[in-house]
Amino acid sequence: MAARLIALLVAWAALPALAFDHAHGAWDALLKRHVAVLQEGRASQLRYAALAQERAALQAYLATLSAVSRAEFDAWPKNERQAFLINAYNAFTAEKILTRYPDIRSIWDFGKIFGNPFKDAFFTLLGQRMTLDGIEHDTLRKPGAYDDPRIHYAVNCAAVGCPMLREEAYVAARLEAQLGEQERRFLTDRTRNRFRDGRLEVSKIFDWFKEDFAPREQYFARRASLLGYPGGAVPVTFLDYDWSLNDSPSSSPR
């Protein structure tokens, strides 16, 4: 009996650690249940009240993200790393909102100087305390790392003015198609980007992150059909950004 027990213990110790789920199944299931898609697929709201009822499942998923070491992450292919970071940003943002929900109207209710939600190291990722800005600006936007402006259409800051929270998790095998669709959805959303009275009226994202879309005029010209303008050089103005919470009233207690 003792020899058999020892053999079982040795075999158990030799088993590899459970592999990370690159399908992000737990997060995918939550998104599919709680994201309400609007405006023919161009916008969305999150049912925070319903998500709050499954907060334990969200936190369990976040724990799997936090368990990934830097060495493990660095060994993954580029698309797996990029999908991981985008999902982490969106999931930790949702968790941040739930820490105050339903007594919150905007993510800026946490504060812009003290308590700034984007600079608050409120979670662990890749073996260190991390911020949302750390994921977006220091990692996803780091020159030479991913060099893909479409990440701005994928990360969601829990605001109405932000490109929509996708109704599924990002996954490496379909990342190119997912990012392409997010770009089309955002650029064809006339509440955020439009051609009117001879000028382009576009989201402040194109002002705040102009270097990511440079040369910006060429970026717009190549996507003229999506933006709904004839192309060429036209005046550009930037629309006000709506920072109100992207909460779905269908399940909100308010």
Protein backbone atom coordinates (compact mmCIF):
# COMPACT_ATOMS: atom_id res chain seq x y z
CA MET A 1 0.00 0.00 0.00
CA ALA A 2 2.79 2.41 0.93
CA ALA A 3 4.67 1.67 -2.28
CA ARG A 4 1.52 2.26 -4.31
CA LEU A 5 0.88 5.57 -2.54
CA ILE A 6 4.44 6.70 -3.17
CA ALA A 7 4.08 5.78 -6.86
CA LEU A 8 0.88 7.79 -7.11
CA LEU A 9 2.50 10.79 -5.45
CA VAL A 10 5.48 10.62 -7.80
CA ALA A 11 3.18 10.38 -10.81
CA TRP A 12 1.11 13.32 -9.59
CA ALA A 13 4.21 15.44 -9.03
CA ALA A 14 5.37 14.69 -12.55
CA LEU A 15 2.16 15.99 -14.12
CA PRO A 16 2.57 19.37 -15.81
CA ALA A 17 0.76 22.33 -14.37
CA LEU A 18 -2.64 22.92 -15.87
CA ALA A 19 -2.17 24.79 -19.13
CA PHE A 20 -3.65 28.25 -19.45
CA ASP A 21 -6.96 28.30 -21.33
CA HIS A 22 -6.19 30.30 -24.46
CA ALA A 23 -9.85 30.07 -25.44
CA HIS A 24 -10.54 32.28 -22.39
CA GLY A 25 -13.65 30.16 -21.94
CA ALA A 26 -14.76 31.53 -18.58
CA TRP A 27 -14.56 35.15 -19.75
CA ASP A 28 -16.14 34.26 -23.09
CA ALA A 29 -19.14 32.72 -21.33
CA LEU A 30 -19.63 35.79 -19.12
CA LEU A 31 -19.46 38.14 -22.09
CA LYS A 32 -21.93 36.10 -24.10
CA ARG A 33 -24.39 36.19 -21.21
CA HIS A 34 -24.01 39.79 -20.14
CA VAL A 35 -23.06 41.99 -23.13
CA ALA A 36 -26.02 43.58 -24.90
CA VAL A 37 -25.19 44.40 -28.52
CA LEU A 38 -26.80 47.59 -29.88
CA GLN A 39 -27.01 49.68 -33.06
CA GLU A 40 -26.81 46.72 -35.45
CA GLY A 41 -23.59 45.51 -33.86
CA ARG A 42 -21.80 48.86 -33.62
CA ALA A 43 -22.16 49.45 -29.87
CA SER A 44 -22.76 47.50 -26.70
CA GLN A 45 -23.65 47.78 -23.05
CA LEU A 46 -22.65 45.53 -20.17
CA ARG A 47 -25.29 44.18 -17.80
CA TYR A 48 -23.30 44.98 -14.66
CA ALA A 49 -26.11 44.01 -12.30
CA ALA A 50 -26.28 40.54 -13.83
CA LEU A 51 -22.49 40.24 -13.96
CA ALA A 52 -22.35 41.14 -10.28
CA GLN A 53 -24.38 38.00 -9.59
CA GLU A 54 -21.55 35.99 -11.17
CA ARG A 55 -18.69 37.98 -9.71
CA ALA A 56 -17.14 34.84 -8.24
CA ALA A 57 -16.81 33.40 -11.75
CA LEU A 58 -15.24 36.64 -12.97
CA GLN A 59 -12.77 36.66 -10.09
CA ALA A 60 -11.90 33.01 -10.72
CA TYR A 61 -11.05 33.91 -14.33
CA LEU A 62 -8.98 36.89 -13.17
CA ALA A 63 -7.06 34.56 -10.87
CA THR A 64 -6.07 32.43 -13.88
CA LEU A 65 -4.72 35.54 -15.57
CA SER A 66 -2.76 36.55 -12.49
CA ALA A 67 -1.28 33.05 -12.22
CA VAL A 68 0.54 33.37 -15.56
CA SER A 69 4.23 34.12 -15.07
CA ARG A 70 6.25 36.49 -17.23
CA ALA A 71 8.35 33.57 -18.51
CA GLU A 72 5.25 31.61 -19.50
CA PHE A 73 3.74 34.65 -21.22
CA ASP A 74 6.94 35.47 -23.12
CA ALA A 75 7.03 31.92 -24.54
CA TRP A 76 3.62 32.27 -26.20
CA PRO A 77 3.12 33.29 -29.84
CA LYS A 78 2.39 36.97 -30.44
CA ASN A 79 -1.36 36.55 -31.06
CA GLU A 80 -1.81 34.62 -27.81
CA ARG A 81 -0.02 37.35 -25.88
CA GLN A 82 -2.04 40.10 -27.52
CA ALA A 83 -5.39 38.36 -26.92
CA PHE A 84 -4.39 37.70 -23.30
CA LEU A 85 -3.61 41.38 -22.67
CA ILE A 86 -6.79 42.68 -24.31
CA ASN A 87 -8.97 40.25 -22.36
CA ALA A 88 -7.11 41.08 -19.15
CA TYR A 89 -7.70 44.81 -19.65
CA ASN A 90 -11.41 44.35 -20.27
CA ALA A 91 -11.99 41.84 -17.48
CA PHE A 92 -10.07 43.78 -14.82
CA THR A 93 -11.91 46.96 -15.86
CA ALA A 94 -15.24 45.19 -15.34
CA GLU A 95 -14.07 44.00 -11.92
CA LYS A 96 -12.99 47.54 -11.02
CA ILE A 97 -16.48 48.85 -11.84
CA LEU A 98 -18.11 46.10 -9.76
CA THR A 99 -16.18 47.21 -6.65
CA ARG A 100 -18.52 50.25 -6.55
CA TYR A 101 -21.52 49.15 -8.54
CA PRO A 102 -24.33 50.22 -8.50
CA ASP A 103 -23.13 53.48 -6.89
CA ILE A 104 -21.12 54.60 -9.90
CA ARG A 105 -21.94 56.71 -12.94
CA SER A 106 -18.54 56.84 -14.63
CA ILE A 107 -15.18 55.14 -14.25
CA TRP A 108 -13.84 58.60 -13.31
CA ASP A 109 -15.88 58.40 -10.10
CA PHE A 110 -12.80 56.67 -8.67
CA GLY A 111 -10.88 59.92 -9.14
CA LYS A 112 -8.62 61.55 -11.69
CA ILE A 113 -5.68 62.27 -9.40
CA PHE A 114 -6.21 60.29 -6.22
CA GLY A 115 -7.75 56.92 -6.98
CA ASN A 116 -7.24 57.22 -10.75
CA PRO A 117 -8.60 53.86 -11.99
CA PHE A 118 -6.15 53.67 -14.88
CA LYS A 119 -3.09 54.29 -12.71
CA ASP A 120 -4.18 52.28 -9.68
CA ALA A 121 -2.17 49.06 -9.31
CA PHE A 122 -5.19 47.09 -8.14
CA PHE A 123 -4.27 43.70 -9.60
CA THR A 124 -1.35 41.37 -10.30
CA LEU A 125 -0.33 40.41 -13.83
CA LEU A 126 2.83 38.77 -15.17
CA GLY A 127 4.32 38.56 -11.71
CA GLN A 128 3.94 42.20 -10.69
CA ARG A 129 1.43 44.74 -9.51
CA MET A 130 -0.15 46.17 -12.61
CA THR A 131 -2.36 49.04 -13.74
CA LEU A 132 -4.75 49.34 -16.67
CA ASP A 133 -2.39 51.93 -18.16
CA GLY A 134 0.39 49.41 -17.70
CA ILE A 135 -1.45 46.93 -19.91
CA GLU A 136 -2.46 49.45 -22.55
CA HIS A 137 0.32 52.00 -22.79
CA ASP A 138 3.35 50.16 -21.41
CA THR A 139 2.63 46.79 -23.00
CA LEU A 140 0.11 46.75 -25.87
CA ARG A 141 1.26 50.15 -27.21
CA LYS A 142 4.95 49.62 -26.49
CA PRO A 143 6.82 50.40 -29.73
CA GLY A 144 7.87 47.23 -31.51
CA ALA A 145 5.69 44.96 -29.39
CA TYR A 146 2.42 44.76 -31.34
CA ASP A 147 2.23 47.95 -33.42
CA ASP A 148 -1.48 47.55 -34.10
CA PRO A 149 -3.70 50.64 -33.67
CA ARG A 150 -6.76 48.38 -33.68
CA ILE A 151 -6.14 47.61 -30.02
CA HIS A 152 -7.93 50.92 -29.39
CA TYR A 153 -11.08 49.32 -30.78
CA ALA A 154 -10.65 46.27 -28.55
CA VAL A 155 -9.80 47.54 -25.05
CA ASN A 156 -12.87 48.90 -23.32
CA CYS A 157 -12.75 51.58 -20.60
CA ALA A 158 -16.35 51.05 -19.41
CA ALA A 159 -17.51 54.27 -21.09
CA VAL A 160 -20.24 54.94 -23.64
CA GLY A 161 -17.77 56.84 -25.83
CA CYS A 162 -15.35 53.93 -25.93
CA PRO A 163 -15.38 51.42 -28.79
CA MET A 164 -17.78 48.66 -27.85
CA LEU A 165 -16.99 45.84 -25.46
CA ARG A 166 -16.96 42.79 -27.71
CA GLU A 167 -19.55 40.13 -26.95
CA GLU A 168 -16.95 37.37 -26.88
CA ALA A 169 -13.38 36.87 -25.71
CA TYR A 170 -10.47 37.58 -28.02
CA VAL A 171 -8.62 34.44 -29.10
CA ALA A 172 -5.38 34.00 -31.01
CA ALA A 173 -6.82 31.90 -33.83
CA ARG A 174 -9.39 34.57 -34.78
CA LEU A 175 -7.67 37.69 -33.50
CA GLU A 176 -7.09 39.25 -36.93
CA ALA A 177 -10.75 38.83 -37.90
CA GLN A 178 -11.95 40.06 -34.51
CA LEU A 179 -9.83 43.20 -34.62
CA GLY A 180 -10.86 43.84 -38.21
CA GLU A 181 -14.51 43.60 -37.26
CA GLN A 182 -14.04 45.89 -34.27
CA GLU A 183 -12.47 48.48 -36.55
CA ARG A 184 -15.36 48.27 -39.02
CA ARG A 185 -17.93 48.46 -36.24
CA PHE A 186 -16.38 51.56 -34.70
CA LEU A 187 -15.69 53.48 -37.90
CA THR A 188 -19.21 52.90 -39.20
CA ASP A 189 -20.81 54.04 -35.94
CA ARG A 190 -22.14 57.48 -36.88
CA THR A 191 -22.53 58.51 -33.25
CA ARG A 192 -18.74 58.36 -32.97
CA ASN A 193 -17.39 58.94 -36.50
CA ARG A 194 -19.12 60.71 -39.38
CA PHE A 195 -18.74 63.00 -42.38
CA ARG A 196 -20.93 66.07 -42.12
CA ASP A 197 -20.96 69.51 -43.71
CA GLY A 198 -17.74 68.84 -45.56
CA ARG A 199 -15.72 67.74 -42.54
CA LEU A 200 -14.84 64.57 -40.71
CA GLU A 201 -16.13 64.46 -37.14
CA VAL A 202 -14.31 61.65 -35.37
CA SER A 203 -13.72 60.20 -31.93
CA LYS A 204 -11.24 61.82 -29.55
CA ILE A 205 -9.34 58.53 -29.70
CA PHE A 206 -7.83 59.77 -32.97
CA ASP A 207 -6.62 62.90 -31.17
CA TRP A 208 -5.35 61.29 -27.97
CA PHE A 209 -3.47 58.53 -29.83
CA LYS A 210 -2.71 60.26 -33.11
CA GLU A 211 0.78 58.75 -33.25
CA ASP A 212 -0.72 55.25 -33.37
CA PHE A 213 -2.70 56.14 -36.50
CA ALA A 214 0.03 58.18 -38.19
CA PRO A 215 -0.08 59.42 -40.82
CA ARG A 216 -3.65 60.03 -39.66
CA GLU A 217 -4.88 61.57 -42.91
CA GLN A 218 -3.80 58.47 -44.83
CA TYR A 219 -5.42 56.23 -42.26
CA PHE A 220 -8.74 58.03 -42.75
CA ALA A 221 -8.38 58.10 -46.55
CA ARG A 222 -7.81 54.33 -46.74
CA ARG A 223 -10.99 53.83 -44.73
CA ALA A 224 -13.08 56.49 -46.43
CA SER A 225 -15.88 54.07 -47.30
CA LEU A 226 -16.21 53.03 -43.65
CA LEU A 227 -16.20 56.62 -42.47
CA GLY A 228 -18.70 57.58 -45.17
CA TYR A 229 -16.76 60.35 -46.90
CA PRO A 230 -15.38 60.76 -50.43
CA GLY A 231 -11.75 60.75 -49.41
CA GLY A 232 -9.08 63.36 -49.89
CA ALA A 233 -8.00 66.15 -47.58
CA VAL A 234 -10.88 67.44 -45.47
CA PRO A 235 -11.05 69.31 -42.16
CA VAL A 236 -11.13 67.07 -39.09
CA THR A 237 -12.80 67.82 -35.77
CA PHE A 238 -12.97 65.66 -32.67
CA LEU A 239 -16.23 64.82 -30.93
CA ASP A 240 -16.76 65.07 -27.19
CA TYR A 241 -16.10 61.79 -25.41
CA ASP A 242 -18.95 60.36 -23.37
CA TRP A 243 -17.50 58.98 -20.13
CA SER A 244 -20.82 57.81 -18.68
CA LEU A 245 -20.90 54.16 -17.66
CA ASN A 246 -21.71 51.66 -20.42
CA ASP A 247 -24.34 50.06 -18.19
CA SER A 248 -27.32 48.25 -19.66
CA PRO A 249 -30.59 49.50 -18.13
CA SER A 250 -32.19 46.14 -18.89
CA SER A 251 -30.62 44.63 -15.78
CA SER A 252 -29.66 47.68 -13.77
CA PRO A 253 -31.36 48.28 -10.40
CA ARG A 254 -31.36 52.01 -11.09
